[in-house]
Amino acid sequence: MYRVAREIDFCYGHRLLNYEGKCKHLHGHNGLLIVTFEVADLDPRGMVIDFGDIKRIISQWIDKHLDHRMILCRQDPVVPVLESMGEPLFLMDENPTAENISRLIFEFAASQGLPIVETALYETPRCVAVYRPTGRT
């Protein structure tokens, strides 16, 4: 098996519903995402995936949808207020935890046909949420 990974930085804000810690308030993160890809055999160029393709597909999607946006649960009562102010939002059906954001990005990459095996979102330099579907090593 061959594996490659790429780091992608982006900034985002969020808050957690049904949570009793500091993260129940609107706040921001300088996130570091590590996306990992794996194949059994290299392509005709001798690559798992071109790093430029990762940037073009995943980084551009993150820049368009997540970077410098408030990532919120669709049911968050602050959504209408922020929308009325013209604030850039990305709405999720679930709580926008690092775990759910990591899965969101994984699912986007997989939907593009990329050989992704794992996403790891560092919300802070010491706190990481990893998503890897069941059955993957």
N, C-alpha and C. Protein backbone atom coordinates (compact mmCIF):
# COMPACT_ATOMS: atom_id res chain seq x y z
N MET A 1 0.84 -1.19 0.00
CA MET A 1 0.00 0.00 0.00
C MET A 1 0.88 1.25 0.00
N TYR A 2 0.38 2.25 -0.68
CA TYR A 2 1.05 3.54 -0.72
C TYR A 2 0.12 4.57 -0.09
N ARG A 3 0.70 5.48 0.70
CA ARG A 3 -0.08 6.54 1.33
C ARG A 3 0.61 7.88 1.12
N VAL A 4 -0.21 8.91 0.92
CA VAL A 4 0.27 10.29 0.92
C VAL A 4 -0.70 11.11 1.77
N ALA A 5 -0.21 12.21 2.27
CA ALA A 5 -1.05 13.11 3.07
C ALA A 5 -0.69 14.54 2.73
N ARG A 6 -1.66 15.41 2.93
CA ARG A 6 -1.45 16.84 2.71
C ARG A 6 -2.09 17.59 3.87
N GLU A 7 -1.40 18.64 4.31
CA GLU A 7 -1.93 19.53 5.33
C GLU A 7 -2.65 20.70 4.66
N ILE A 8 -3.78 21.09 5.25
CA ILE A 8 -4.55 22.23 4.75
C ILE A 8 -4.94 23.08 5.96
N ASP A 9 -4.57 24.34 5.94
CA ASP A 9 -4.93 25.26 7.02
C ASP A 9 -6.19 26.03 6.64
N PHE A 10 -7.06 26.24 7.62
CA PHE A 10 -8.19 27.13 7.41
C PHE A 10 -8.69 27.63 8.75
N CYS A 11 -9.35 28.76 8.72
CA CYS A 11 -9.89 29.38 9.92
C CYS A 11 -11.41 29.27 9.88
N TYR A 12 -11.98 29.00 11.04
CA TYR A 12 -13.43 28.90 11.11
C TYR A 12 -13.90 29.22 12.53
N GLY A 13 -15.17 29.53 12.61
CA GLY A 13 -15.80 29.73 13.90
C GLY A 13 -16.93 28.75 14.06
N HIS A 14 -17.31 28.50 15.30
CA HIS A 14 -18.46 27.63 15.56
C HIS A 14 -18.88 27.82 17.01
N ARG A 15 -19.91 27.11 17.38
CA ARG A 15 -20.27 26.93 18.77
C ARG A 15 -21.06 25.64 18.85
N LEU A 16 -21.06 25.05 20.05
CA LEU A 16 -21.71 23.77 20.23
C LEU A 16 -23.00 23.92 21.02
N LEU A 17 -24.04 23.30 20.52
CA LEU A 17 -25.32 23.27 21.22
C LEU A 17 -25.30 22.11 22.22
N ASN A 18 -26.11 22.22 23.27
CA ASN A 18 -26.22 21.16 24.28
C ASN A 18 -24.87 20.84 24.91
N TYR A 19 -24.10 21.86 25.17
CA TYR A 19 -22.75 21.72 25.71
C TYR A 19 -22.59 22.70 26.85
N GLU A 20 -21.94 22.30 27.93
CA GLU A 20 -21.83 23.17 29.10
C GLU A 20 -20.44 23.76 29.31
N GLY A 21 -19.54 23.64 28.36
CA GLY A 21 -18.21 24.24 28.49
C GLY A 21 -18.12 25.55 27.74
N LYS A 22 -16.87 26.05 27.62
CA LYS A 22 -16.64 27.31 26.93
C LYS A 22 -17.09 27.28 25.46
N CYS A 23 -17.10 26.11 24.87
CA CYS A 23 -17.43 26.00 23.45
C CYS A 23 -18.92 26.19 23.16
N LYS A 24 -19.72 26.47 24.19
CA LYS A 24 -21.13 26.78 23.92
C LYS A 24 -21.27 28.20 23.39
N HIS A 25 -20.19 28.99 23.47
CA HIS A 25 -20.18 30.37 22.98
C HIS A 25 -19.53 30.42 21.60
N LEU A 26 -19.93 31.40 20.79
CA LEU A 26 -19.29 31.59 19.50
C LEU A 26 -17.79 31.82 19.71
N HIS A 27 -16.97 31.11 18.95
CA HIS A 27 -15.51 31.26 19.06
C HIS A 27 -14.88 30.74 17.77
N GLY A 28 -13.61 30.97 17.61
CA GLY A 28 -12.93 30.59 16.38
C GLY A 28 -11.72 29.70 16.59
N HIS A 29 -11.29 29.08 15.50
CA HIS A 29 -10.12 28.19 15.51
C HIS A 29 -9.28 28.43 14.26
N ASN A 30 -8.00 28.24 14.42
CA ASN A 30 -7.08 28.13 13.29
C ASN A 30 -6.86 26.63 13.10
N GLY A 31 -7.67 26.03 12.25
CA GLY A 31 -7.64 24.59 12.08
C GLY A 31 -6.54 24.13 11.15
N LEU A 32 -6.05 22.93 11.43
CA LEU A 32 -5.10 22.26 10.55
C LEU A 32 -5.71 20.91 10.21
N LEU A 33 -5.96 20.70 8.94
CA LEU A 33 -6.53 19.45 8.46
C LEU A 33 -5.42 18.64 7.80
N ILE A 34 -5.39 17.36 8.10
CA ILE A 34 -4.49 16.44 7.39
C ILE A 34 -5.37 15.42 6.69
N VAL A 35 -5.29 15.39 5.36
CA VAL A 35 -6.06 14.43 4.57
C VAL A 35 -5.08 13.35 4.08
N THR A 36 -5.48 12.10 4.25
CA THR A 36 -4.62 10.97 3.90
C THR A 36 -5.29 10.11 2.84
N PHE A 37 -4.50 9.73 1.84
CA PHE A 37 -4.98 8.94 0.70
C PHE A 37 -4.15 7.67 0.60
N GLU A 38 -4.78 6.61 0.10
CA GLU A 38 -4.08 5.33 0.01
C GLU A 38 -4.55 4.56 -1.21
N VAL A 39 -3.60 3.89 -1.87
CA VAL A 39 -3.90 2.99 -2.98
C VAL A 39 -2.96 1.80 -2.92
N ALA A 40 -3.41 0.70 -3.51
CA ALA A 40 -2.56 -0.49 -3.56
C ALA A 40 -1.51 -0.35 -4.65
N ASP A 41 -1.89 0.29 -5.77
CA ASP A 41 -0.98 0.44 -6.90
C ASP A 41 -0.93 1.89 -7.33
N LEU A 42 0.25 2.36 -7.66
CA LEU A 42 0.43 3.74 -8.13
C LEU A 42 -0.17 3.91 -9.52
N ASP A 43 -0.56 5.14 -9.82
CA ASP A 43 -1.11 5.43 -11.15
C ASP A 43 0.04 5.43 -12.17
N PRO A 44 -0.26 5.59 -13.46
CA PRO A 44 0.79 5.56 -14.48
C PRO A 44 1.90 6.60 -14.27
N ARG A 45 1.63 7.66 -13.51
CA ARG A 45 2.65 8.67 -13.22
C ARG A 45 3.52 8.27 -12.05
N GLY A 46 3.16 7.18 -11.36
CA GLY A 46 3.90 6.76 -10.17
C GLY A 46 3.40 7.45 -8.91
N MET A 47 2.13 7.87 -8.89
CA MET A 47 1.56 8.63 -7.77
C MET A 47 0.34 7.94 -7.17
N VAL A 48 0.12 8.23 -5.89
CA VAL A 48 -1.15 7.89 -5.25
C VAL A 48 -2.19 8.86 -5.77
N ILE A 49 -1.89 10.14 -5.65
CA ILE A 49 -2.71 11.24 -6.13
C ILE A 49 -1.79 12.45 -6.24
N ASP A 50 -2.01 13.27 -7.21
CA ASP A 50 -1.21 14.47 -7.39
C ASP A 50 -1.54 15.46 -6.26
N PHE A 51 -0.52 15.96 -5.58
CA PHE A 51 -0.76 16.93 -4.50
C PHE A 51 -1.50 18.16 -5.02
N GLY A 52 -1.25 18.52 -6.27
CA GLY A 52 -1.97 19.64 -6.87
C GLY A 52 -3.46 19.36 -7.00
N ASP A 53 -3.83 18.09 -7.26
CA ASP A 53 -5.24 17.74 -7.33
C ASP A 53 -5.90 17.85 -5.96
N ILE A 54 -5.17 17.48 -4.92
CA ILE A 54 -5.71 17.63 -3.57
C ILE A 54 -6.00 19.10 -3.30
N LYS A 55 -5.04 19.94 -3.66
CA LYS A 55 -5.24 21.38 -3.45
C LYS A 55 -6.41 21.89 -4.27
N ARG A 56 -6.45 21.52 -5.53
CA ARG A 56 -7.50 22.00 -6.43
C ARG A 56 -8.89 21.55 -5.96
N ILE A 57 -9.01 20.33 -5.54
CA ILE A 57 -10.32 19.81 -5.18
C ILE A 57 -10.70 20.13 -3.73
N ILE A 58 -9.89 19.70 -2.79
CA ILE A 58 -10.27 19.82 -1.38
C ILE A 58 -10.01 21.23 -0.84
N SER A 59 -8.83 21.77 -1.08
CA SER A 59 -8.53 23.11 -0.55
C SER A 59 -9.49 24.15 -1.11
N GLN A 60 -9.79 24.06 -2.40
CA GLN A 60 -10.71 25.04 -2.98
C GLN A 60 -12.11 24.89 -2.40
N TRP A 61 -12.56 23.66 -2.13
CA TRP A 61 -13.88 23.45 -1.52
C TRP A 61 -13.90 24.03 -0.11
N ILE A 62 -12.84 23.79 0.64
CA ILE A 62 -12.75 24.35 1.99
C ILE A 62 -12.74 25.87 1.93
N ASP A 63 -11.94 26.44 1.03
CA ASP A 63 -11.89 27.90 0.89
C ASP A 63 -13.27 28.47 0.58
N LYS A 64 -14.03 27.80 -0.26
CA LYS A 64 -15.34 28.30 -0.68
C LYS A 64 -16.41 28.11 0.39
N HIS A 65 -16.36 27.00 1.14
CA HIS A 65 -17.46 26.65 2.03
C HIS A 65 -17.18 26.79 3.52
N LEU A 66 -15.93 26.61 3.96
CA LEU A 66 -15.64 26.57 5.39
C LEU A 66 -14.72 27.67 5.90
N ASP A 67 -13.76 28.08 5.10
CA ASP A 67 -12.75 29.03 5.57
C ASP A 67 -13.38 30.39 5.90
N HIS A 68 -13.06 30.91 7.06
CA HIS A 68 -13.55 32.20 7.54
C HIS A 68 -15.08 32.26 7.53
N ARG A 69 -15.70 31.17 7.94
CA ARG A 69 -17.15 31.10 8.09
C ARG A 69 -17.48 30.59 9.48
N MET A 70 -18.68 30.92 9.92
CA MET A 70 -19.22 30.30 11.12
C MET A 70 -19.85 28.99 10.68
N ILE A 71 -19.40 27.90 11.26
CA ILE A 71 -19.96 26.58 10.98
C ILE A 71 -20.90 26.27 12.14
N LEU A 72 -22.18 26.20 11.84
CA LEU A 72 -23.19 26.08 12.89
C LEU A 72 -24.18 24.97 12.57
N CYS A 73 -24.83 24.49 13.62
CA CYS A 73 -25.95 23.57 13.46
C CYS A 73 -27.12 24.36 12.89
N ARG A 74 -27.80 23.77 11.94
CA ARG A 74 -28.94 24.41 11.28
C ARG A 74 -29.98 24.90 12.29
N GLN A 75 -30.13 24.20 13.43
CA GLN A 75 -31.13 24.56 14.44
C GLN A 75 -30.63 25.60 15.44
N ASP A 76 -29.40 26.07 15.30
CA ASP A 76 -28.86 27.04 16.25
C ASP A 76 -29.69 28.33 16.19
N PRO A 77 -30.19 28.82 17.33
CA PRO A 77 -31.02 30.02 17.30
C PRO A 77 -30.30 31.29 16.85
N VAL A 78 -28.99 31.27 16.81
CA VAL A 78 -28.25 32.46 16.36
C VAL A 78 -28.20 32.55 14.83
N VAL A 79 -28.55 31.50 14.12
CA VAL A 79 -28.46 31.48 12.66
C VAL A 79 -29.24 32.62 12.02
N PRO A 80 -30.53 32.83 12.35
CA PRO A 80 -31.26 33.92 11.69
C PRO A 80 -30.64 35.29 11.93
N VAL A 81 -30.10 35.50 13.12
CA VAL A 81 -29.46 36.79 13.43
C VAL A 81 -28.23 37.00 12.55
N LEU A 82 -27.37 35.99 12.49
CA LEU A 82 -26.16 36.10 11.68
C LEU A 82 -26.49 36.21 10.19
N GLU A 83 -27.50 35.48 9.75
CA GLU A 83 -27.92 35.60 8.34
C GLU A 83 -28.41 37.02 8.04
N SER A 84 -29.17 37.61 8.96
CA SER A 84 -29.68 38.97 8.73
C SER A 84 -28.56 40.00 8.67
N MET A 85 -27.42 39.67 9.28
CA MET A 85 -26.27 40.56 9.26
C MET A 85 -25.37 40.31 8.06
N GLY A 86 -25.69 39.29 7.27
CA GLY A 86 -24.88 38.97 6.10
C GLY A 86 -23.61 38.22 6.43
N GLU A 87 -23.55 37.62 7.61
CA GLU A 87 -22.35 36.86 8.00
C GLU A 87 -22.26 35.57 7.20
N PRO A 88 -21.06 35.18 6.78
CA PRO A 88 -20.91 33.94 6.02
C PRO A 88 -21.05 32.72 6.94
N LEU A 89 -21.96 31.83 6.59
CA LEU A 89 -22.26 30.66 7.42
C LEU A 89 -22.13 29.39 6.59
N PHE A 90 -21.83 28.30 7.28
CA PHE A 90 -21.97 26.96 6.73
C PHE A 90 -22.81 26.20 7.74
N LEU A 91 -23.96 25.70 7.31
CA LEU A 91 -24.89 25.06 8.23
C LEU A 91 -24.83 23.55 8.08
N MET A 92 -24.81 22.89 9.24
CA MET A 92 -24.77 21.43 9.29
C MET A 92 -26.04 20.92 9.97
N ASP A 93 -26.41 19.70 9.68
CA ASP A 93 -27.57 19.10 10.33
C ASP A 93 -27.24 18.65 11.75
N GLU A 94 -25.96 18.50 12.06
CA GLU A 94 -25.53 18.06 13.37
C GLU A 94 -24.68 19.14 14.04
N ASN A 95 -24.35 18.92 15.29
CA ASN A 95 -23.49 19.85 16.03
C ASN A 95 -22.15 19.97 15.31
N PRO A 96 -21.62 21.16 15.11
CA PRO A 96 -20.37 21.34 14.36
C PRO A 96 -19.12 21.07 15.21
N THR A 97 -19.05 19.87 15.74
CA THR A 97 -17.87 19.45 16.49
C THR A 97 -16.71 19.21 15.52
N ALA A 98 -15.51 19.16 16.04
CA ALA A 98 -14.35 18.83 15.20
C ALA A 98 -14.54 17.46 14.56
N GLU A 99 -15.15 16.53 15.29
CA GLU A 99 -15.40 15.19 14.76
C GLU A 99 -16.33 15.25 13.54
N ASN A 100 -17.41 16.02 13.66
CA ASN A 100 -18.37 16.11 12.55
C ASN A 100 -17.80 16.89 11.36
N ILE A 101 -16.99 17.90 11.63
CA ILE A 101 -16.35 18.64 10.53
C ILE A 101 -15.34 17.75 9.81
N SER A 102 -14.60 16.96 10.57
CA SER A 102 -13.65 16.02 9.97
C SER A 102 -14.37 15.04 9.05
N ARG A 103 -15.50 14.49 9.52
CA ARG A 103 -16.30 13.57 8.69
C ARG A 103 -16.86 14.27 7.46
N LEU A 104 -17.34 15.50 7.62
CA LEU A 104 -17.87 16.28 6.51
C LEU A 104 -16.85 16.39 5.37
N ILE A 105 -15.62 16.73 5.72
CA ILE A 105 -14.57 16.90 4.71
C ILE A 105 -14.23 15.55 4.08
N PHE A 106 -14.16 14.50 4.90
CA PHE A 106 -13.90 13.16 4.37
C PHE A 106 -14.96 12.81 3.32
N GLU A 107 -16.23 13.00 3.68
CA GLU A 107 -17.32 12.63 2.78
C GLU A 107 -17.30 13.43 1.49
N PHE A 108 -16.91 14.71 1.59
CA PHE A 108 -16.77 15.50 0.35
C PHE A 108 -15.68 14.89 -0.54
N ALA A 109 -14.50 14.62 0.03
CA ALA A 109 -13.40 14.07 -0.76
C ALA A 109 -13.78 12.73 -1.38
N ALA A 110 -14.45 11.88 -0.61
CA ALA A 110 -14.87 10.58 -1.13
C ALA A 110 -15.87 10.76 -2.28
N SER A 111 -16.76 11.75 -2.17
CA SER A 111 -17.75 11.99 -3.23
C SER A 111 -17.10 12.45 -4.53
N GLN A 112 -15.86 12.93 -4.44
CA GLN A 112 -15.13 13.36 -5.64
C GLN A 112 -14.31 12.23 -6.25
N GLY A 113 -14.45 11.03 -5.68
CA GLY A 113 -13.75 9.86 -6.20
C GLY A 113 -12.30 9.76 -5.76
N LEU A 114 -11.91 10.52 -4.77
CA LEU A 114 -10.53 10.48 -4.30
C LEU A 114 -10.32 9.27 -3.39
N PRO A 115 -9.12 8.68 -3.41
CA PRO A 115 -8.86 7.48 -2.60
C PRO A 115 -8.53 7.83 -1.13
N ILE A 116 -9.41 8.58 -0.51
CA ILE A 116 -9.19 9.06 0.84
C ILE A 116 -9.41 7.94 1.86
N VAL A 117 -8.58 7.91 2.88
CA VAL A 117 -8.75 6.92 3.95
C VAL A 117 -8.95 7.56 5.32
N GLU A 118 -8.57 8.85 5.45
CA GLU A 118 -8.66 9.46 6.77
C GLU A 118 -8.56 10.98 6.68
N THR A 119 -9.30 11.63 7.57
CA THR A 119 -9.13 13.06 7.79
C THR A 119 -8.84 13.26 9.27
N ALA A 120 -7.95 14.17 9.57
CA ALA A 120 -7.61 14.52 10.94
C ALA A 120 -7.66 16.04 11.05
N LEU A 121 -8.57 16.55 11.87
CA LEU A 121 -8.73 17.98 12.04
C LEU A 121 -8.18 18.39 13.40
N TYR A 122 -7.10 19.15 13.38
CA TYR A 122 -6.54 19.73 14.60
C TYR A 122 -7.27 21.04 14.85
N GLU A 123 -8.11 21.03 15.88
CA GLU A 123 -8.84 22.23 16.26
C GLU A 123 -7.90 23.20 16.98
N THR A 124 -6.97 22.63 17.72
CA THR A 124 -5.88 23.36 18.36
C THR A 124 -4.63 22.52 18.12
N PRO A 125 -3.44 23.04 18.43
CA PRO A 125 -2.24 22.22 18.21
C PRO A 125 -2.21 20.92 19.02
N ARG A 126 -3.02 20.82 20.07
CA ARG A 126 -3.00 19.63 20.92
C ARG A 126 -4.28 18.79 20.87
N CYS A 127 -5.27 19.22 20.10
CA CYS A 127 -6.56 18.52 20.07
C CYS A 127 -6.93 18.17 18.63
N VAL A 128 -7.05 16.89 18.37
CA VAL A 128 -7.31 16.42 17.02
C VAL A 128 -8.53 15.49 17.00
N ALA A 129 -9.34 15.60 15.95
CA ALA A 129 -10.47 14.70 15.72
C ALA A 129 -10.21 13.98 14.40
N VAL A 130 -10.19 12.66 14.45
CA VAL A 130 -9.88 11.85 13.28
C VAL A 130 -11.14 11.13 12.82
N TYR A 131 -11.36 11.12 11.51
CA TYR A 131 -12.45 10.34 10.95
C TYR A 131 -11.89 9.36 9.94
N ARG A 132 -12.24 8.11 10.15
CA ARG A 132 -11.88 7.02 9.23
C ARG A 132 -13.06 6.06 9.27
N PRO A 133 -13.69 5.79 8.14
CA PRO A 133 -14.84 4.89 8.16
C PRO A 133 -14.48 3.51 8.72
N THR A 134 -15.48 2.85 9.27
CA THR A 134 -15.28 1.50 9.79
C THR A 134 -14.75 0.59 8.70
N GLY A 135 -13.81 -0.25 9.08
CA GLY A 135 -13.25 -1.18 8.12
C GLY A 135 -11.99 -0.68 7.44
N ARG A 136 -11.63 0.58 7.67
CA ARG A 136 -10.38 1.11 7.09
C ARG A 136 -9.29 1.02 8.13
N THR A 137 -8.03 0.80 7.68
CA THR A 137 -6.92 0.73 8.63
C THR A 137 -5.98 1.89 8.45
